[in-house]
Amino acid sequence: MARWIVTTKHGLCAVGLWLVALAVQAGDDGFLWTVRDRAGALRGYLFGTVHLCSAACYPLPESARAAFNASRVLALELDPTDPTIGVALGRAGRVPADLAGLSGRLPAAQWLALVGLARQQGVSPQLLDRMQPWLVSMSLMVSAAGQLGYGPQWGVDVWLATAARATGIELLALETVERQIDALAAGGEAAQLSALAQTIDLLENGRLGDYLDRTIRAWRSGDGPALAKLLELEADEEALAPLLDQVLAQRNHEMAFRIAQLTDVPGPLFVAVGAAHLDGPEGLVAELAKLGFVLERVVDPPVSSQPPSTGRDRLRGEYYR
């Protein structure tokens, strides 16, 4: 379990990419927004990212890089280099001794499939049995994705955090590790096991590689409808509803208030969160609008009209060419 914790600690929000994309709604292209106050003054930017990525995610869109370069503060869901993440995952991811393990909570066929998948990652059935469903889902996804060239080390939040430290941009967290874990572990038994079953199905049928490729292509092009369509994976939406409410809607509400507070610091502020948090009636764009901010989607100009990279851009580009 320790190896899985080390592997997944920077991918806390990658508990299932189907979950990340589920709330992305059809709409105009682009995952960058300007955030202005009622008087029209620019207070910052809101950028939708992916936590589990590959070299294909870079360079970032020109508009996002320009906005980041112009900002003084970077706000992420979490600081991906926070050393307490692994400790918190290990502590919260264990099934208490007085509760039944996964082998007694899953249908026999699912349990056998899960054991086979975990063994490919060097995890014994005994250890697997005492892990919480959300940690199993996250660990399986991140480990399998790593074999396909994807990983949290390529995540956009990691890139931004590294670039911010290299150039003196202040880095702040919108949440705590404990809050994210509470959300991932929420929803009740039916939601947790349904989410795990969805992960098992995706991996057992060998669909992860194609799914990741299409997800990244849709994100790179700012194609919200394509991301939404990727979620047609026969998920039990009724069972997952309580979990999605905690992972997305409740956290969006909380993060919007946190972002509003941070706009009072000298800026501009560059906020980067998973793309699923932006759109929809309970997304961050709508939540910030309720708080009085005016948001406008930014679309990259054609490549031929983009200005040449600055020295600061080139410095950041060295991380992931």
Foldseek 3Di string as FASTA:
>chain_A
DLVLLVQQLLVLVPLDVLLLLQQQDFDDFFFKKFKAFLVRHTLAMEGAWDQKFALVCPDPFPVLVVRLVQKQAEEEQDQSVPPCSSVVCVVVFFADPVDWFPCVQDDVVLLVLLQVLVVVVVDHSVRNRGTFLSSSSSSSLQVVVVVVRMHSCPTPSVLSSVLCVVPVRHYHHLYDSVLSVCLSNDQDDLQSVLSSSLSSVCVVVPPSNVLRVQCSVCVRRRGSVSSNVSSPSPGPCVSNVGSSCSNEQVVLLSSLVSVVVVSPPPINYYYYYHSSQADDCRHNQNNNVVVRIDMDGDDHDPPVPRDDDDPSRVVSCVVRD
